[in-house]
Every structure is written in C-alpha cells, then in structure tokens.
Amino acid sequence: IARDGVSAPSPQEQLGALIMNVTSAYVQSIVAAGVHEQRFRTFLAFAALHVDAAYARAMEAAEPGIESHDLIAFRALHVSPDYVASFAEIGYPHLAPHDIITFRALHIDAAFVVRVERSGYPHPSPGEIVRLKVLPASQTHVR
C-alpha cells in the first residue's frame, strides 16, 4: 500500500485497512484526485467518512489546494461543492476552509448571509456572520 509518497501502514493501520477495505487502488485514486497526503492513517479517516475520488476531485475544484484535514471536516459536515459555490454566488468566492467549516457547523447558509445583508450589514466578514448567528441579541435582527 505504501506508494505515491504515502507512508507504510503500521500494524494497527493494516488492520484498519483490512476492516475498511483501504486498498492500494483506493489510496491511488485519492492521490490521483489531487490529494497530497503522506500519512496512511489519513486514508483510513477518508475511508471511514466515505471520501472517494469523486468527492475529493469535486472539493478540490470547489476549494483549490484543500488540505486533508479540511477535506475530512468537510465530509464529516456534509459540505458539498454546491454549498461552497452558494457563497461565491453572493460575493464570498474565497472563504477560508475554516470559515466554511464553521458556517456549516452553525447551519449558516447563503440565505442567512443575504438576510444579514438586508438587515443592514453590508458584506459582513465571516467573523461578523458567525457573531450574528450565535449572539442572541444580534440574531433577532436578522431572522
């Protein structure tokens, strides 16, 4: 399994690979999709979250240069390329992965941001959007 710059799995990781069917072909497909990862255990996390080559390619296209830990968080939170694109469509084309993760975890979607803007907050920063979502006093102005 250790190929394409990916570390050889430890005995525990080999067992995990058997259980989750992480094969050389799986690792190669993820690497071919543009994921630059050297730690075999990350491929176990990908497999556990059902990250396949198609998802990796789609998220790389939506968020160029996405790192493995962000890809894992995106998949765990069900972040799709359409979700990322929805923010680009309303003027946020280059959100940092941690902002996308925070938005998704807090159930912030593009419609919420539009409501924020219509409530008198022209093009708020990602941090301001989060504050408006989580602070009860401010949130009442947006709903």
C-alpha atoms as a PDB file:
ATOM      1  CA  ILE A   1       0.000   0.000   0.000  1.00  0.00           C
ATOM      2  CA  ALA A   2       2.931   2.364   0.637  1.00  0.00           C
ATOM      3  CA  ARG A   3       3.234   4.156  -2.724  1.00  0.00           C
ATOM      4  CA  ASP A   4       2.949   7.600  -4.187  1.00  0.00           C
ATOM      5  CA  GLY A   5       4.766   9.068  -1.195  1.00  0.00           C
ATOM      6  CA  VAL A   6       2.314   7.551   1.302  1.00  0.00           C
ATOM      7  CA  SER A   7       3.845   6.095   4.448  1.00  0.00           C
ATOM      8  CA  ALA A   8       3.749   2.373   5.084  1.00  0.00           C
ATOM      9  CA  PRO A   9       0.896   1.490   7.434  1.00  0.00           C
ATOM     10  CA  SER A  10       1.630   0.401  10.984  1.00  0.00           C
ATOM     11  CA  PRO A  11       0.289  -2.989  12.098  1.00  0.00           C
ATOM     12  CA  GLN A  12      -2.756  -1.268  13.631  1.00  0.00           C
ATOM     13  CA  GLU A  13      -3.309   0.703  10.426  1.00  0.00           C
ATOM     14  CA  GLN A  14      -3.024  -2.511   8.403  1.00  0.00           C
ATOM     15  CA  LEU A  15      -5.831  -3.973  10.480  1.00  0.00           C
ATOM     16  CA  GLY A  16      -7.885  -0.822   9.912  1.00  0.00           C
ATOM     17  CA  ALA A  17      -7.164  -1.068   6.194  1.00  0.00           C
ATOM     18  CA  LEU A  18      -8.492  -4.618   6.150  1.00  0.00           C
ATOM     19  CA  ILE A  19     -11.621  -3.672   8.079  1.00  0.00           C
ATOM     20  CA  MET A  20     -12.366  -0.589   5.966  1.00  0.00           C
ATOM     21  CA  ASN A  21     -11.150  -2.020   2.654  1.00  0.00           C
ATOM     22  CA  VAL A  22      -8.450   0.621   2.162  1.00  0.00           C
ATOM     23  CA  THR A  23      -6.512  -0.830  -0.745  1.00  0.00           C
ATOM     24  CA  SER A  24      -3.660   0.421  -2.884  1.00  0.00           C
ATOM     25  CA  ALA A  25      -6.213   1.212  -5.577  1.00  0.00           C
ATOM     26  CA  TYR A  26      -8.226   3.329  -3.125  1.00  0.00           C
ATOM     27  CA  VAL A  27      -5.142   5.254  -1.992  1.00  0.00           C
ATOM     28  CA  GLN A  28      -4.019   5.771  -5.594  1.00  0.00           C
ATOM     29  CA  SER A  29      -7.466   7.021  -6.621  1.00  0.00           C
ATOM     30  CA  ILE A  30      -7.464   9.632  -3.855  1.00  0.00           C
ATOM     31  CA  VAL A  31      -3.910  10.712  -4.709  1.00  0.00           C
ATOM     32  CA  ALA A  32      -4.848  10.880  -8.413  1.00  0.00           C
ATOM     33  CA  ALA A  33      -7.779  13.133  -7.447  1.00  0.00           C
ATOM     34  CA  GLY A  34      -5.257  15.725  -6.262  1.00  0.00           C
ATOM     35  CA  VAL A  35      -4.999  14.975  -2.557  1.00  0.00           C
ATOM     36  CA  HIS A  36      -1.432  15.352  -1.358  1.00  0.00           C
ATOM     37  CA  GLU A  37      -1.216  13.211   1.733  1.00  0.00           C
ATOM     38  CA  GLN A  38       1.653  11.174   3.136  1.00  0.00           C
ATOM     39  CA  ARG A  39       0.140   9.665   6.281  1.00  0.00           C
ATOM     40  CA  PHE A  40      -1.607   6.375   5.745  1.00  0.00           C
ATOM     41  CA  ARG A  41      -3.847   6.948   8.756  1.00  0.00           C
ATOM     42  CA  THR A  42      -5.439   9.879   6.927  1.00  0.00           C
ATOM     43  CA  PHE A  43      -6.623   7.467   4.240  1.00  0.00           C
ATOM     44  CA  LEU A  44      -8.273   5.443   6.997  1.00  0.00           C
ATOM     45  CA  ALA A  45     -10.125   8.591   8.066  1.00  0.00           C
ATOM     46  CA  PHE A  46     -11.115   9.223   4.446  1.00  0.00           C
ATOM     47  CA  ALA A  47     -12.477   5.701   4.161  1.00  0.00           C
ATOM     48  CA  ALA A  48     -14.350   5.957   7.463  1.00  0.00           C
ATOM     49  CA  LEU A  49     -16.122   9.066   6.159  1.00  0.00           C
ATOM     50  CA  HIS A  50     -16.667   7.652   2.669  1.00  0.00           C
ATOM     51  CA  VAL A  51     -14.377  10.125   0.937  1.00  0.00           C
ATOM     52  CA  ASP A  52     -13.956   8.777  -2.560  1.00  0.00           C
ATOM     53  CA  ALA A  53     -12.027  10.093  -5.541  1.00  0.00           C
ATOM     54  CA  ALA A  54     -15.096  11.831  -6.983  1.00  0.00           C
ATOM     55  CA  TYR A  55     -15.712  13.758  -3.751  1.00  0.00           C
ATOM     56  CA  ALA A  56     -12.016  14.627  -3.424  1.00  0.00           C
ATOM     57  CA  ARG A  57     -11.927  15.921  -7.025  1.00  0.00           C
ATOM     58  CA  ALA A  58     -15.123  17.908  -6.598  1.00  0.00           C
ATOM     59  CA  MET A  59     -13.950  19.544  -3.395  1.00  0.00           C
ATOM     60  CA  GLU A  60     -10.504  20.271  -4.869  1.00  0.00           C
ATOM     61  CA  ALA A  61     -12.264  22.042  -7.749  1.00  0.00           C
ATOM     62  CA  ALA A  62     -14.505  23.979  -5.346  1.00  0.00           C
ATOM     63  CA  GLU A  63     -11.737  24.772  -2.856  1.00  0.00           C
ATOM     64  CA  PRO A  64      -8.368  24.554  -4.678  1.00  0.00           C
ATOM     65  CA  GLY A  65      -5.499  23.377  -2.508  1.00  0.00           C
ATOM     66  CA  ILE A  66      -7.783  21.937   0.168  1.00  0.00           C
ATOM     67  CA  GLU A  67      -5.777  20.148   2.830  1.00  0.00           C
ATOM     68  CA  SER A  68      -6.547  16.649   4.033  1.00  0.00           C
ATOM     69  CA  HIS A  69      -7.773  17.704   7.465  1.00  0.00           C
ATOM     70  CA  ASP A  70     -10.177  20.186   5.871  1.00  0.00           C
ATOM     71  CA  LEU A  71     -11.400  17.550   3.419  1.00  0.00           C
ATOM     72  CA  ILE A  72     -12.136  15.286   6.381  1.00  0.00           C
ATOM     73  CA  ALA A  73     -14.037  18.053   8.179  1.00  0.00           C
ATOM     74  CA  PHE A  74     -15.920  18.970   5.001  1.00  0.00           C
ATOM     75  CA  ARG A  75     -17.067  15.388   4.533  1.00  0.00           C
ATOM     76  CA  ALA A  76     -17.982  14.966   8.193  1.00  0.00           C
ATOM     77  CA  LEU A  77     -20.158  18.080   7.971  1.00  0.00           C
ATOM     78  CA  HIS A  78     -21.604  17.189   4.552  1.00  0.00           C
ATOM     79  CA  VAL A  79     -20.048  20.175   2.796  1.00  0.00           C
ATOM     80  CA  SER A  80     -20.693  19.941  -0.919  1.00  0.00           C
ATOM     81  CA  PRO A  81     -19.248  21.875  -3.847  1.00  0.00           C
ATOM     82  CA  ASP A  82     -22.685  23.480  -4.230  1.00  0.00           C
ATOM     83  CA  TYR A  83     -22.551  24.706  -0.631  1.00  0.00           C
ATOM     84  CA  VAL A  84     -19.172  26.366  -1.282  1.00  0.00           C
ATOM     85  CA  ALA A  85     -20.427  27.800  -4.597  1.00  0.00           C
ATOM     86  CA  SER A  86     -23.504  29.275  -2.923  1.00  0.00           C
ATOM     87  CA  PHE A  87     -21.271  31.673  -1.003  1.00  0.00           C
ATOM     88  CA  ALA A  88     -19.279  32.590  -4.103  1.00  0.00           C
ATOM     89  CA  GLU A  89     -22.568  33.485  -5.803  1.00  0.00           C
ATOM     90  CA  ILE A  90     -23.353  36.084  -3.117  1.00  0.00           C
ATOM     91  CA  GLY A  91     -19.907  37.679  -3.062  1.00  0.00           C
ATOM     92  CA  TYR A  92     -17.779  35.343  -0.931  1.00  0.00           C
ATOM     93  CA  PRO A  93     -15.677  33.484  -3.526  1.00  0.00           C
ATOM     94  CA  HIS A  94     -12.636  32.871  -1.364  1.00  0.00           C
ATOM     95  CA  LEU A  95     -13.801  31.769   2.069  1.00  0.00           C
ATOM     96  CA  ALA A  96     -11.102  30.023   4.080  1.00  0.00           C
ATOM     97  CA  PRO A  97     -11.785  26.348   4.767  1.00  0.00           C
ATOM     98  CA  HIS A  98     -12.126  27.069   8.498  1.00  0.00           C
ATOM     99  CA  ASP A  99     -14.850  29.624   7.715  1.00  0.00           C
ATOM    100  CA  ILE A 100     -16.732  27.094   5.582  1.00  0.00           C
ATOM    101  CA  ILE A 101     -16.415  24.518   8.359  1.00  0.00           C
ATOM    102  CA  THR A 102     -17.651  26.996  10.973  1.00  0.00           C
ATOM    103  CA  PHE A 103     -20.538  28.120   8.763  1.00  0.00           C
ATOM    104  CA  ARG A 104     -21.644  24.551   8.129  1.00  0.00           C
ATOM    105  CA  ALA A 105     -21.335  23.577  11.793  1.00  0.00           C
ATOM    106  CA  LEU A 106     -23.535  26.544  12.733  1.00  0.00           C
ATOM    107  CA  HIS A 107     -26.029  25.899   9.916  1.00  0.00           C
ATOM    108  CA  ILE A 108     -25.146  29.153   8.194  1.00  0.00           C
ATOM    109  CA  ASP A 109     -26.133  29.106   4.564  1.00  0.00           C
ATOM    110  CA  ALA A 110     -26.066  31.712   1.806  1.00  0.00           C
ATOM    111  CA  ALA A 111     -29.694  32.639   2.512  1.00  0.00           C
ATOM    112  CA  PHE A 112     -28.767  33.564   6.082  1.00  0.00           C
ATOM    113  CA  VAL A 113     -25.946  35.803   4.820  1.00  0.00           C
ATOM    114  CA  VAL A 114     -28.346  37.512   2.406  1.00  0.00           C
ATOM    115  CA  ARG A 115     -30.754  38.127   5.311  1.00  0.00           C
ATOM    116  CA  VAL A 116     -27.870  39.592   7.326  1.00  0.00           C
ATOM    117  CA  GLU A 117     -27.013  41.955   4.477  1.00  0.00           C
ATOM    118  CA  ARG A 118     -30.657  43.004   4.051  1.00  0.00           C
ATOM    119  CA  SER A 119     -30.800  43.710   7.783  1.00  0.00           C
ATOM    120  CA  GLY A 120     -28.252  46.482   7.411  1.00  0.00           C
ATOM    121  CA  TYR A 121     -24.892  44.704   7.492  1.00  0.00           C
ATOM    122  CA  PRO A 122     -23.368  45.256   4.054  1.00  0.00           C
ATOM    123  CA  HIS A 123     -20.972  42.425   3.142  1.00  0.00           C
ATOM    124  CA  PRO A 124     -20.082  41.355   6.706  1.00  0.00           C
ATOM    125  CA  SER A 125     -16.859  39.463   7.323  1.00  0.00           C
ATOM    126  CA  PRO A 126     -17.060  35.732   8.053  1.00  0.00           C
ATOM    127  CA  GLY A 127     -16.407  36.506  11.726  1.00  0.00           C
ATOM    128  CA  GLU A 128     -19.250  39.029  11.800  1.00  0.00           C
ATOM    129  CA  ILE A 129     -21.577  36.496  10.158  1.00  0.00           C
ATOM    130  CA  VAL A 130     -20.735  33.964  12.861  1.00  0.00           C
ATOM    131  CA  ARG A 131     -21.254  36.523  15.625  1.00  0.00           C
ATOM    132  CA  LEU A 132     -24.632  37.483  14.179  1.00  0.00           C
ATOM    133  CA  LYS A 133     -25.636  33.832  14.104  1.00  0.00           C
ATOM    134  CA  VAL A 134     -24.576  32.921  17.640  1.00  0.00           C
ATOM    135  CA  LEU A 135     -25.311  36.079  19.637  1.00  0.00           C
ATOM    136  CA  PRO A 136     -28.987  36.013  20.577  1.00  0.00           C
ATOM    137  CA  ALA A 137     -29.364  39.802  20.767  1.00  0.00           C
ATOM    138  CA  SER A 138     -27.947  40.290  17.291  1.00  0.00           C
ATOM    139  CA  GLN A 139     -29.645  37.259  15.822  1.00  0.00           C
ATOM    140  CA  THR A 140     -33.103  38.666  16.415  1.00  0.00           C
ATOM    141  CA  HIS A 141     -32.311  41.480  13.969  1.00  0.00           C
ATOM    142  CA  VAL A 142     -31.519  39.000  11.228  1.00  0.00           C
ATOM    143  CA  ARG A 143     -34.284  36.394  11.375  1.00  0.00           C
END
